[in-house]
Amino acid sequence: MNDPAYLPTVIFAGAPKVGKAFLMAQLAYHVATGQKLWDCEVHQGTVLYLALEDGYERLQRRMYRMFGVEGAEKLHFAISAKQLGNGLDAQLEKFVREHPDTRLIIDTLQKVRELSGEAYSYRDDYQIIGQLKQLADKFGLCLLIVHHTRKSAANDEFDRISGTTGIYGCADGAFVLSKENRTDNVATLSVSGRDQPDQRIHLVRDEERLLWRFDRADKEPYREPPDPLLEKVAALVTEDNPTWQGSATELLSHLALDMQPNALAKRLNVKAGRLLSDFKVNYANVRTKTGSHITLTLQR
């Protein structure tokens, strides 16, 4: 499974009672604590989990059974929230501004969508996911949207996502958790996303702790090769000198690279997400009348 940081808006679908809540808690805890998940590296940061179908006592019991603790410093739960288009946007923005290292927000689509007379139309579904995607893109985080699957079978797992194709079509990726039988302790996590290969991950549930354990994947997970340019750029900012500012020409001079300034700026514009994810360096490029102005900031 690829790094969720490259999939800003992801639909996570599964049938009721399939074990989504436990997997959501597992994802949230590992991102908040920075611990590997299924031997995959994660990028630690604050997590907001809108567990709108649970209560705090139930969440605490679940966390204690799974991890032996009732929570984590960077993991925040909320059991109530406003609806999308009716205050939720402002609530989420306020949280992210108060916690600038937010990496992941998990919410329940059915609880936050504002239903209208055209509910479940393609346009309505696409617009709802589009609004959430705008927020994820704006703050450079992953927004994981928990949803349901249909009971009816389908040749493609992703065709089972409830609602119209507008939900899946607007999102950057989707996970579908499925089991052959409701009582099984094995499940398959199907993964699909833009700019990454599809994947099927086979999981086994630890019946005592209710954790999902990695069993096998149908193919080796794709891992991006090292990027020497990003490594050189990241080396310009340190704990002692956490900010670098200058033009693309000045940046080229510092990096001692043989390329055009506009080519460097374009490449960094495309790679800004990975620069932040892999090296915790925020890249900003502001164009003025006198040219572009680049700022590199180390995120603590």
C-alpha atoms as a PDB file:
ATOM      1  CA  MET A   1       0.000   0.000   0.000  1.00  0.00           C
ATOM      2  CA  ASN A   2       1.373   3.373  -0.958  1.00  0.00           C
ATOM      3  CA  ASP A   3       1.787   6.320   1.355  1.00  0.00           C
ATOM      4  CA  PRO A   4      -1.651   7.928   1.957  1.00  0.00           C
ATOM      5  CA  ALA A   5       0.023  11.336   1.714  1.00  0.00           C
ATOM      6  CA  TYR A   6      -0.046  10.895  -2.057  1.00  0.00           C
ATOM      7  CA  LEU A   7      -3.817  10.275  -2.024  1.00  0.00           C
ATOM      8  CA  PRO A   8      -5.382  13.439  -0.547  1.00  0.00           C
ATOM      9  CA  THR A   9      -8.981  12.165  -0.647  1.00  0.00           C
ATOM     10  CA  VAL A  10      -9.619   8.442  -0.164  1.00  0.00           C
ATOM     11  CA  ILE A  11     -12.899   6.522   0.081  1.00  0.00           C
ATOM     12  CA  PHE A  12     -12.729   3.628   2.566  1.00  0.00           C
ATOM     13  CA  ALA A  13     -15.701   1.348   2.030  1.00  0.00           C
ATOM     14  CA  GLY A  14     -16.844  -1.907   3.549  1.00  0.00           C
ATOM     15  CA  ALA A  15     -19.974  -3.706   4.640  1.00  0.00           C
ATOM     16  CA  PRO A  16     -21.384  -3.150   8.148  1.00  0.00           C
ATOM     17  CA  LYS A  17     -19.699  -5.324  10.807  1.00  0.00           C
ATOM     18  CA  VAL A  18     -16.783  -6.124   8.490  1.00  0.00           C
ATOM     19  CA  GLY A  19     -14.266  -4.537  10.867  1.00  0.00           C
ATOM     20  CA  LYS A  20     -13.827  -1.059   9.374  1.00  0.00           C
ATOM     21  CA  ALA A  21     -13.886   0.667  12.758  1.00  0.00           C
ATOM     22  CA  PHE A  22     -10.971  -1.389  14.068  1.00  0.00           C
ATOM     23  CA  LEU A  23      -8.931  -0.800  10.928  1.00  0.00           C
ATOM     24  CA  MET A  24      -9.668   2.937  11.106  1.00  0.00           C
ATOM     25  CA  ALA A  25      -8.477   3.006  14.721  1.00  0.00           C
ATOM     26  CA  GLN A  26      -5.367   1.078  13.687  1.00  0.00           C
ATOM     27  CA  LEU A  27      -4.532   3.512  10.866  1.00  0.00           C
ATOM     28  CA  ALA A  28      -5.173   6.512  13.104  1.00  0.00           C
ATOM     29  CA  TYR A  29      -3.012   5.192  15.950  1.00  0.00           C
ATOM     30  CA  HIS A  30      -0.066   4.305  13.723  1.00  0.00           C
ATOM     31  CA  VAL A  31      -0.022   7.699  11.979  1.00  0.00           C
ATOM     32  CA  ALA A  32      -0.377   9.531  15.305  1.00  0.00           C
ATOM     33  CA  THR A  33       2.478   7.573  16.921  1.00  0.00           C
ATOM     34  CA  GLY A  34       4.684   7.198  13.843  1.00  0.00           C
ATOM     35  CA  GLN A  35       4.874   3.415  14.199  1.00  0.00           C
ATOM     36  CA  LYS A  36       5.151   1.229  11.098  1.00  0.00           C
ATOM     37  CA  LEU A  37       1.924  -0.309   9.820  1.00  0.00           C
ATOM     38  CA  TRP A  38       2.365  -3.792   8.318  1.00  0.00           C
ATOM     39  CA  ASP A  39       6.090  -3.067   7.946  1.00  0.00           C
ATOM     40  CA  CYS A  40       5.312   0.097   5.956  1.00  0.00           C
ATOM     41  CA  GLU A  41       6.721   3.449   7.032  1.00  0.00           C
ATOM     42  CA  VAL A  42       4.223   6.137   8.035  1.00  0.00           C
ATOM     43  CA  HIS A  43       4.689   9.889   8.313  1.00  0.00           C
ATOM     44  CA  GLN A  44       3.820  10.864  11.868  1.00  0.00           C
ATOM     45  CA  GLY A  45       1.449  13.736  12.493  1.00  0.00           C
ATOM     46  CA  THR A  46      -1.742  14.790  14.207  1.00  0.00           C
ATOM     47  CA  VAL A  47      -4.836  12.728  13.381  1.00  0.00           C
ATOM     48  CA  LEU A  48      -8.465  13.802  13.754  1.00  0.00           C
ATOM     49  CA  TYR A  49     -10.889  10.881  13.833  1.00  0.00           C
ATOM     50  CA  LEU A  50     -14.542  11.873  13.535  1.00  0.00           C
ATOM     51  CA  ALA A  51     -15.948   8.694  15.091  1.00  0.00           C
ATOM     52  CA  LEU A  52     -19.526   9.869  14.681  1.00  0.00           C
ATOM     53  CA  GLU A  53     -21.090   6.449  15.263  1.00  0.00           C
ATOM     54  CA  ASP A  54     -19.324   5.852  18.584  1.00  0.00           C
ATOM     55  CA  GLY A  55     -19.076   7.255  22.109  1.00  0.00           C
ATOM     56  CA  TYR A  56     -15.934   8.196  24.036  1.00  0.00           C
ATOM     57  CA  GLU A  57     -16.189   5.231  26.435  1.00  0.00           C
ATOM     58  CA  ARG A  58     -16.507   2.798  23.556  1.00  0.00           C
ATOM     59  CA  LEU A  59     -13.537   4.386  21.802  1.00  0.00           C
ATOM     60  CA  GLN A  60     -11.415   4.195  24.957  1.00  0.00           C
ATOM     61  CA  ARG A  61     -12.287   0.517  25.459  1.00  0.00           C
ATOM     62  CA  ARG A  62     -11.448  -0.216  21.826  1.00  0.00           C
ATOM     63  CA  MET A  63      -8.093   1.581  21.989  1.00  0.00           C
ATOM     64  CA  TYR A  64      -7.158  -0.126  25.257  1.00  0.00           C
ATOM     65  CA  ARG A  65      -7.984  -3.576  23.905  1.00  0.00           C
ATOM     66  CA  MET A  66      -6.069  -2.946  20.681  1.00  0.00           C
ATOM     67  CA  PHE A  67      -3.022  -1.038  21.938  1.00  0.00           C
ATOM     68  CA  GLY A  68      -3.104  -1.131  25.736  1.00  0.00           C
ATOM     69  CA  VAL A  69      -3.705   2.627  25.952  1.00  0.00           C
ATOM     70  CA  GLU A  70      -6.787   4.828  25.853  1.00  0.00           C
ATOM     71  CA  GLY A  71      -5.363   7.199  23.265  1.00  0.00           C
ATOM     72  CA  ALA A  72      -2.270   8.950  21.940  1.00  0.00           C
ATOM     73  CA  GLU A  73      -0.971  12.500  22.232  1.00  0.00           C
ATOM     74  CA  LYS A  74      -1.477  13.319  18.554  1.00  0.00           C
ATOM     75  CA  LEU A  75      -4.728  11.373  18.120  1.00  0.00           C
ATOM     76  CA  HIS A  76      -7.920  13.378  18.591  1.00  0.00           C
ATOM     77  CA  PHE A  77     -11.424  11.903  18.599  1.00  0.00           C
ATOM     78  CA  ALA A  78     -14.720  13.703  17.998  1.00  0.00           C
ATOM     79  CA  ILE A  79     -18.110  12.006  18.350  1.00  0.00           C
ATOM     80  CA  SER A  80     -20.176  14.877  16.949  1.00  0.00           C
ATOM     81  CA  ALA A  81     -19.703  17.366  14.136  1.00  0.00           C
ATOM     82  CA  LYS A  82     -21.686  19.683  11.915  1.00  0.00           C
ATOM     83  CA  GLN A  83     -22.655  18.726   8.386  1.00  0.00           C
ATOM     84  CA  LEU A  84     -20.717  19.483   5.264  1.00  0.00           C
ATOM     85  CA  GLY A  85     -21.902  22.821   3.903  1.00  0.00           C
ATOM     86  CA  ASN A  86     -23.355  23.710   7.286  1.00  0.00           C
ATOM     87  CA  GLY A  87     -20.340  24.360   9.484  1.00  0.00           C
ATOM     88  CA  LEU A  88     -18.143  21.257   9.116  1.00  0.00           C
ATOM     89  CA  ASP A  89     -15.792  23.022   6.701  1.00  0.00           C
ATOM     90  CA  ALA A  90     -15.076  25.750   9.261  1.00  0.00           C
ATOM     91  CA  GLN A  91     -14.665  23.200  12.070  1.00  0.00           C
ATOM     92  CA  LEU A  92     -12.073  21.204  10.129  1.00  0.00           C
ATOM     93  CA  GLU A  93     -10.179  24.316   9.011  1.00  0.00           C
ATOM     94  CA  LYS A  94     -10.050  25.567  12.591  1.00  0.00           C
ATOM     95  CA  PHE A  95      -8.657  22.231  13.784  1.00  0.00           C
ATOM     96  CA  VAL A  96      -5.968  22.127  11.075  1.00  0.00           C
ATOM     97  CA  ARG A  97      -4.887  25.702  11.783  1.00  0.00           C
ATOM     98  CA  GLU A  98      -4.585  24.839  15.477  1.00  0.00           C
ATOM     99  CA  HIS A  99      -2.690  21.635  14.602  1.00  0.00           C
ATOM    100  CA  PRO A 100      -0.555  22.495  11.542  1.00  0.00           C
ATOM    101  CA  ASP A 101       1.092  19.043  11.563  1.00  0.00           C
ATOM    102  CA  THR A 102      -2.237  17.325  10.827  1.00  0.00           C
ATOM    103  CA  ARG A 103      -1.602  14.424   8.437  1.00  0.00           C
ATOM    104  CA  LEU A 104      -4.871  12.502   8.494  1.00  0.00           C
ATOM    105  CA  ILE A 105      -8.571  13.221   9.026  1.00  0.00           C
ATOM    106  CA  ILE A 106     -11.028  10.331   9.151  1.00  0.00           C
ATOM    107  CA  ASP A 107     -14.740  11.007   8.856  1.00  0.00           C
ATOM    108  CA  THR A 108     -17.974   9.116   8.167  1.00  0.00           C
ATOM    109  CA  LEU A 109     -19.595  10.240   4.931  1.00  0.00           C
ATOM    110  CA  GLN A 110     -23.176   9.372   5.794  1.00  0.00           C
ATOM    111  CA  LYS A 111     -23.002  11.372   9.029  1.00  0.00           C
ATOM    112  CA  VAL A 112     -21.577  14.587   7.585  1.00  0.00           C
ATOM    113  CA  ARG A 113     -23.241  14.811   4.162  1.00  0.00           C
ATOM    114  CA  GLU A 114     -26.024  17.332   3.827  1.00  0.00           C
ATOM    115  CA  LEU A 115     -28.844  15.500   2.074  1.00  0.00           C
ATOM    116  CA  SER A 116     -31.098  17.298  -0.371  1.00  0.00           C
ATOM    117  CA  GLY A 117     -33.954  16.442  -2.697  1.00  0.00           C
ATOM    118  CA  GLU A 118     -31.384  15.200  -5.185  1.00  0.00           C
ATOM    119  CA  ALA A 119     -29.586  12.962  -2.692  1.00  0.00           C
ATOM    120  CA  TYR A 120     -27.510  10.185  -4.252  1.00  0.00           C
ATOM    121  CA  SER A 121     -27.496  11.774  -7.691  1.00  0.00           C
ATOM    122  CA  TYR A 122     -24.143  11.733  -9.494  1.00  0.00           C
ATOM    123  CA  ARG A 123     -23.905  15.512  -9.272  1.00  0.00           C
ATOM    124  CA  ASP A 124     -24.661  15.533  -5.552  1.00  0.00           C
ATOM    125  CA  ASP A 125     -22.160  12.768  -4.756  1.00  0.00           C
ATOM    126  CA  TYR A 126     -19.442  14.350  -6.885  1.00  0.00           C
ATOM    127  CA  GLN A 127     -19.993  17.756  -5.289  1.00  0.00           C
ATOM    128  CA  ILE A 128     -19.813  16.356  -1.740  1.00  0.00           C
ATOM    129  CA  ILE A 129     -16.528  14.540  -2.324  1.00  0.00           C
ATOM    130  CA  GLY A 130     -15.243  17.544  -4.268  1.00  0.00           C
ATOM    131  CA  GLN A 131     -15.782  19.823  -1.271  1.00  0.00           C
ATOM    132  CA  LEU A 132     -13.848  17.446   0.971  1.00  0.00           C
ATOM    133  CA  LYS A 133     -11.100  17.128  -1.645  1.00  0.00           C
ATOM    134  CA  GLN A 134     -10.684  20.920  -1.761  1.00  0.00           C
ATOM    135  CA  LEU A 135     -10.015  20.917   1.984  1.00  0.00           C
ATOM    136  CA  ALA A 136      -7.492  18.061   1.724  1.00  0.00           C
ATOM    137  CA  ASP A 137      -5.688  19.738  -1.169  1.00  0.00           C
ATOM    138  CA  LYS A 138      -5.655  23.111   0.574  1.00  0.00           C
ATOM    139  CA  PHE A 139      -3.858  21.823   3.652  1.00  0.00           C
ATOM    140  CA  GLY A 140      -1.846  19.005   2.066  1.00  0.00           C
ATOM    141  CA  LEU A 141      -3.300  16.198   4.172  1.00  0.00           C
ATOM    142  CA  CYS A 142      -5.092  12.893   3.650  1.00  0.00           C
ATOM    143  CA  LEU A 143      -8.843  12.861   4.225  1.00  0.00           C
ATOM    144  CA  LEU A 144     -10.110   9.299   4.640  1.00  0.00           C
ATOM    145  CA  ILE A 145     -13.863   9.096   4.071  1.00  0.00           C
ATOM    146  CA  VAL A 146     -15.525   6.029   5.606  1.00  0.00           C
ATOM    147  CA  HIS A 147     -18.485   4.682   3.634  1.00  0.00           C
ATOM    148  CA  HIS A 148     -20.463   1.484   3.008  1.00  0.00           C
ATOM    149  CA  THR A 149     -20.625  -1.080   0.228  1.00  0.00           C
ATOM    150  CA  ARG A 150     -23.714  -2.466  -1.453  1.00  0.00           C
ATOM    151  CA  LYS A 151     -24.942  -5.951  -0.590  1.00  0.00           C
ATOM    152  CA  SER A 152     -25.125  -6.891  -4.264  1.00  0.00           C
ATOM    153  CA  ALA A 153     -22.091  -8.561  -5.812  1.00  0.00           C
ATOM    154  CA  ALA A 154     -20.010  -6.966  -8.566  1.00  0.00           C
ATOM    155  CA  ASN A 155     -17.151  -8.058 -10.801  1.00  0.00           C
ATOM    156  CA  ASP A 156     -15.133  -5.045  -9.649  1.00  0.00           C
ATOM    157  CA  GLU A 157     -14.847  -4.486  -5.881  1.00  0.00           C
ATOM    158  CA  PHE A 158     -14.968  -0.714  -6.383  1.00  0.00           C
ATOM    159  CA  ASP A 159     -18.351  -0.954  -8.141  1.00  0.00           C
ATOM    160  CA  ARG A 160     -19.734  -2.067  -4.764  1.00  0.00           C
ATOM    161  CA  ILE A 161     -19.149   1.338  -3.168  1.00  0.00           C
ATOM    162  CA  SER A 162     -22.591   2.622  -2.157  1.00  0.00           C
ATOM    163  CA  GLY A 163     -23.982   5.611  -4.046  1.00  0.00           C
ATOM    164  CA  THR A 164     -23.284   6.761  -7.563  1.00  0.00           C
ATOM    165  CA  THR A 165     -19.957   6.641  -9.394  1.00  0.00           C
ATOM    166  CA  GLY A 166     -19.588  10.325  -8.461  1.00  0.00           C
ATOM    167  CA  ILE A 167     -18.226   9.279  -5.051  1.00  0.00           C
ATOM    168  CA  TYR A 168     -15.398   7.140  -6.407  1.00  0.00           C
ATOM    169  CA  GLY A 169     -14.880   9.281  -9.505  1.00  0.00           C
ATOM    170  CA  CYS A 170     -14.028  12.461  -7.600  1.00  0.00           C
ATOM    171  CA  ALA A 171     -11.808  10.862  -4.954  1.00  0.00           C
ATOM    172  CA  ASP A 172      -8.077  10.349  -5.455  1.00  0.00           C
ATOM    173  CA  GLY A 173      -8.278   6.733  -4.385  1.00  0.00           C
ATOM    174  CA  ALA A 174     -10.340   4.067  -2.686  1.00  0.00           C
ATOM    175  CA  PHE A 175      -9.939   1.158  -0.279  1.00  0.00           C
ATOM    176  CA  VAL A 176     -12.551  -1.611  -0.093  1.00  0.00           C
ATOM    177  CA  LEU A 177     -12.458  -4.036   2.845  1.00  0.00           C
ATOM    178  CA  SER A 178     -14.339  -7.264   2.161  1.00  0.00           C
ATOM    179  CA  LYS A 179     -14.839 -10.718   3.686  1.00  0.00           C
ATOM    180  CA  GLU A 180     -16.297 -13.892   2.207  1.00  0.00           C
ATOM    181  CA  ASN A 181     -18.428 -14.441   5.307  1.00  0.00           C
ATOM    182  CA  ARG A 182     -19.313 -12.077   8.101  1.00  0.00           C
ATOM    183  CA  THR A 183     -17.801 -14.347  10.780  1.00  0.00           C
ATOM    184  CA  ASP A 184     -14.474 -14.810   8.966  1.00  0.00           C
ATOM    185  CA  ASN A 185     -11.306 -13.519  10.591  1.00  0.00           C
ATOM    186  CA  VAL A 186      -9.669 -12.977   7.192  1.00  0.00           C
ATOM    187  CA  ALA A 187     -10.339 -10.081   4.841  1.00  0.00           C
ATOM    188  CA  THR A 188      -9.106  -8.552   1.618  1.00  0.00           C
ATOM    189  CA  LEU A 189      -8.229  -4.880   1.308  1.00  0.00           C
ATOM    190  CA  SER A 190      -8.465  -3.760  -2.322  1.00  0.00           C
ATOM    191  CA  VAL A 191      -6.554  -0.550  -3.054  1.00  0.00           C
ATOM    192  CA  SER A 192      -6.891   1.704  -6.082  1.00  0.00           C
ATOM    193  CA  GLY A 193      -5.681   5.241  -6.659  1.00  0.00           C
ATOM    194  CA  ARG A 194      -4.462   7.766  -9.153  1.00  0.00           C
ATOM    195  CA  ASP A 195      -0.829   7.472 -10.217  1.00  0.00           C
ATOM    196  CA  GLN A 196      -0.320   4.183  -8.371  1.00  0.00           C
ATOM    197  CA  PRO A 197      -0.842   0.510  -9.277  1.00  0.00           C
ATOM    198  CA  ASP A 198      -3.875  -1.336  -7.936  1.00  0.00           C
ATOM    199  CA  GLN A 199      -3.221  -3.719  -5.063  1.00  0.00           C
ATOM    200  CA  ARG A 200      -4.929  -6.427  -3.044  1.00  0.00           C
ATOM    201  CA  ILE A 201      -3.762  -6.939   0.540  1.00  0.00           C
ATOM    202  CA  HIS A 202      -4.813 -10.002   2.524  1.00  0.00           C
ATOM    203  CA  LEU A 203      -5.356  -9.464   6.257  1.00  0.00           C
ATOM    204  CA  VAL A 204      -5.955 -11.688   9.285  1.00  0.00           C
ATOM    205  CA  ARG A 205      -7.633 -10.389  12.422  1.00  0.00           C
ATOM    206  CA  ASP A 206      -6.118 -11.015  15.828  1.00  0.00           C
ATOM    207  CA  GLU A 207      -9.222 -12.208  17.672  1.00  0.00           C
ATOM    208  CA  GLU A 208      -7.829 -11.245  21.090  1.00  0.00           C
ATOM    209  CA  ARG A 209      -6.738  -7.677  20.293  1.00  0.00           C
ATOM    210  CA  LEU A 210      -8.918  -7.165  17.195  1.00  0.00           C
ATOM    211  CA  LEU A 211      -5.965  -5.843  15.210  1.00  0.00           C
ATOM    212  CA  TRP A 212      -5.698  -6.532  11.489  1.00  0.00           C
ATOM    213  CA  ARG A 213      -2.410  -8.329  10.766  1.00  0.00           C
ATOM    214  CA  PHE A 214      -0.740  -8.364   7.360  1.00  0.00           C
ATOM    215  CA  ASP A 215      -0.778 -11.778   5.698  1.00  0.00           C
ATOM    216  CA  ARG A 216       0.328 -11.189   2.120  1.00  0.00           C
ATOM    217  CA  ALA A 217      -0.115  -8.910  -0.886  1.00  0.00           C
ATOM    218  CA  ASP A 218      -0.872  -9.989  -4.431  1.00  0.00           C
ATOM    219  CA  LYS A 219       2.166  -8.036  -5.615  1.00  0.00           C
ATOM    220  CA  GLU A 220       5.044  -6.138  -4.098  1.00  0.00           C
ATOM    221  CA  PRO A 221       4.071  -2.601  -3.017  1.00  0.00           C
ATOM    222  CA  TYR A 222       5.392   0.135  -5.249  1.00  0.00           C
ATOM    223  CA  ARG A 223       8.046   2.298  -3.634  1.00  0.00           C
ATOM    224  CA  GLU A 224       9.266   5.442  -5.313  1.00  0.00           C
ATOM    225  CA  PRO A 225      13.023   5.454  -5.920  1.00  0.00           C
ATOM    226  CA  PRO A 226      15.183   8.032  -4.113  1.00  0.00           C
ATOM    227  CA  ASP A 227      15.180  11.505  -5.660  1.00  0.00           C
ATOM    228  CA  PRO A 228      18.637  13.150  -5.457  1.00  0.00           C
ATOM    229  CA  LEU A 229      17.144  16.587  -6.170  1.00  0.00           C
ATOM    230  CA  LEU A 230      14.813  16.440  -3.178  1.00  0.00           C
ATOM    231  CA  GLU A 231      17.632  15.176  -0.979  1.00  0.00           C
ATOM    232  CA  LYS A 232      19.783  18.193  -1.945  1.00  0.00           C
ATOM    233  CA  VAL A 233      16.904  20.634  -1.447  1.00  0.00           C
ATOM    234  CA  ALA A 234      16.046  19.154   1.965  1.00  0.00           C
ATOM    235  CA  ALA A 235      19.673  19.467   3.080  1.00  0.00           C
ATOM    236  CA  LEU A 236      19.427  23.277   2.828  1.00  0.00           C
ATOM    237  CA  VAL A 237      17.217  23.491   5.925  1.00  0.00           C
ATOM    238  CA  THR A 238      18.185  22.133   9.328  1.00  0.00           C
ATOM    239  CA  GLU A 239      17.108  22.467  12.948  1.00  0.00           C
ATOM    240  CA  ASP A 240      19.589  25.342  13.306  1.00  0.00           C
ATOM    241  CA  ASN A 241      18.540  26.978  10.017  1.00  0.00           C
ATOM    242  CA  PRO A 242      14.905  25.925   9.506  1.00  0.00           C
ATOM    243  CA  THR A 243      14.098  28.401   6.685  1.00  0.00           C
ATOM    244  CA  TRP A 244      15.668  29.152   3.322  1.00  0.00           C
ATOM    245  CA  GLN A 245      14.410  31.923   1.012  1.00  0.00           C
ATOM    246  CA  GLY A 246      15.497  33.072  -2.418  1.00  0.00           C
ATOM    247  CA  SER A 247      14.875  32.889  -6.140  1.00  0.00           C
ATOM    248  CA  ALA A 248      15.019  29.764  -8.297  1.00  0.00           C
ATOM    249  CA  THR A 249      18.332  31.048  -9.698  1.00  0.00           C
ATOM    250  CA  GLU A 250      19.779  31.399  -6.195  1.00  0.00           C
ATOM    251  CA  LEU A 251      18.505  27.938  -5.289  1.00  0.00           C
ATOM    252  CA  LEU A 252      20.226  26.483  -8.348  1.00  0.00           C
ATOM    253  CA  SER A 253      23.459  28.153  -7.277  1.00  0.00           C
ATOM    254  CA  HIS A 254      23.239  26.586  -3.807  1.00  0.00           C
ATOM    255  CA  LEU A 255      22.475  23.168  -5.282  1.00  0.00           C
ATOM    256  CA  ALA A 256      25.186  23.433  -7.983  1.00  0.00           C
ATOM    257  CA  LEU A 257      22.845  21.983 -10.612  1.00  0.00           C
ATOM    258  CA  ASP A 258      23.006  22.429 -14.384  1.00  0.00           C
ATOM    259  CA  MET A 259      19.380  23.203 -15.286  1.00  0.00           C
ATOM    260  CA  GLN A 260      17.172  26.179 -16.016  1.00  0.00           C
ATOM    261  CA  PRO A 261      15.511  28.016 -13.075  1.00  0.00           C
ATOM    262  CA  ASN A 262      11.998  27.568 -14.509  1.00  0.00           C
ATOM    263  CA  ALA A 263      12.651  23.823 -14.949  1.00  0.00           C
ATOM    264  CA  LEU A 264      13.719  23.579 -11.306  1.00  0.00           C
ATOM    265  CA  ALA A 265      10.624  25.466 -10.120  1.00  0.00           C
ATOM    266  CA  LYS A 266       8.294  23.256 -12.192  1.00  0.00           C
ATOM    267  CA  ARG A 267       9.882  20.085 -10.869  1.00  0.00           C
ATOM    268  CA  LEU A 268       9.633  21.229  -7.266  1.00  0.00           C
ATOM    269  CA  ASN A 269       6.007  22.282  -7.814  1.00  0.00           C
ATOM    270  CA  VAL A 270       5.244  18.687  -8.827  1.00  0.00           C
ATOM    271  CA  LYS A 271       7.378  17.144  -6.060  1.00  0.00           C
ATOM    272  CA  ALA A 272       6.260  19.464  -3.233  1.00  0.00           C
ATOM    273  CA  GLY A 273       4.059  16.789  -1.658  1.00  0.00           C
ATOM    274  CA  ARG A 274       6.856  14.256  -1.529  1.00  0.00           C
ATOM    275  CA  LEU A 275       9.314  16.871  -0.225  1.00  0.00           C
ATOM    276  CA  LEU A 276       6.950  17.455   2.696  1.00  0.00           C
ATOM    277  CA  SER A 277       6.138  13.779   3.248  1.00  0.00           C
ATOM    278  CA  ASP A 278       9.653  12.352   3.035  1.00  0.00           C
ATOM    279  CA  PHE A 279      11.741  15.217   4.413  1.00  0.00           C
ATOM    280  CA  LYS A 280       9.243  17.369   6.361  1.00  0.00           C
ATOM    281  CA  VAL A 281      10.206  20.387   4.269  1.00  0.00           C
ATOM    282  CA  ASN A 282       7.415  22.682   3.119  1.00  0.00           C
ATOM    283  CA  TYR A 283       7.969  24.254  -0.312  1.00  0.00           C
ATOM    284  CA  ALA A 284       6.261  27.501  -1.354  1.00  0.00           C
ATOM    285  CA  ASN A 285       6.773  29.374  -4.606  1.00  0.00           C
ATOM    286  CA  VAL A 286       5.190  32.828  -4.847  1.00  0.00           C
ATOM    287  CA  ARG A 287       5.357  34.709  -8.132  1.00  0.00           C
ATOM    288  CA  THR A 288       5.816  38.493  -7.991  1.00  0.00           C
ATOM    289  CA  LYS A 289       6.421  41.218 -10.561  1.00  0.00           C
ATOM    290  CA  THR A 290      10.160  40.739 -10.156  1.00  0.00           C
ATOM    291  CA  GLY A 291      10.074  36.946 -10.437  1.00  0.00           C
ATOM    292  CA  SER A 292       9.404  33.888  -8.292  1.00  0.00           C
ATOM    293  CA  HIS A 293      10.254  33.748  -4.604  1.00  0.00           C
ATOM    294  CA  ILE A 294      10.890  30.323  -3.075  1.00  0.00           C
ATOM    295  CA  THR A 295      10.596  29.521   0.631  1.00  0.00           C
ATOM    296  CA  LEU A 296      11.705  26.219   2.173  1.00  0.00           C
ATOM    297  CA  THR A 297      10.583  25.613   5.763  1.00  0.00           C
ATOM    298  CA  LEU A 298      11.440  22.666   7.993  1.00  0.00           C
ATOM    299  CA  GLN A 299       8.297  21.370   9.697  1.00  0.00           C
ATOM    300  CA  ARG A 300       8.935  20.541  13.338  1.00  0.00           C
END
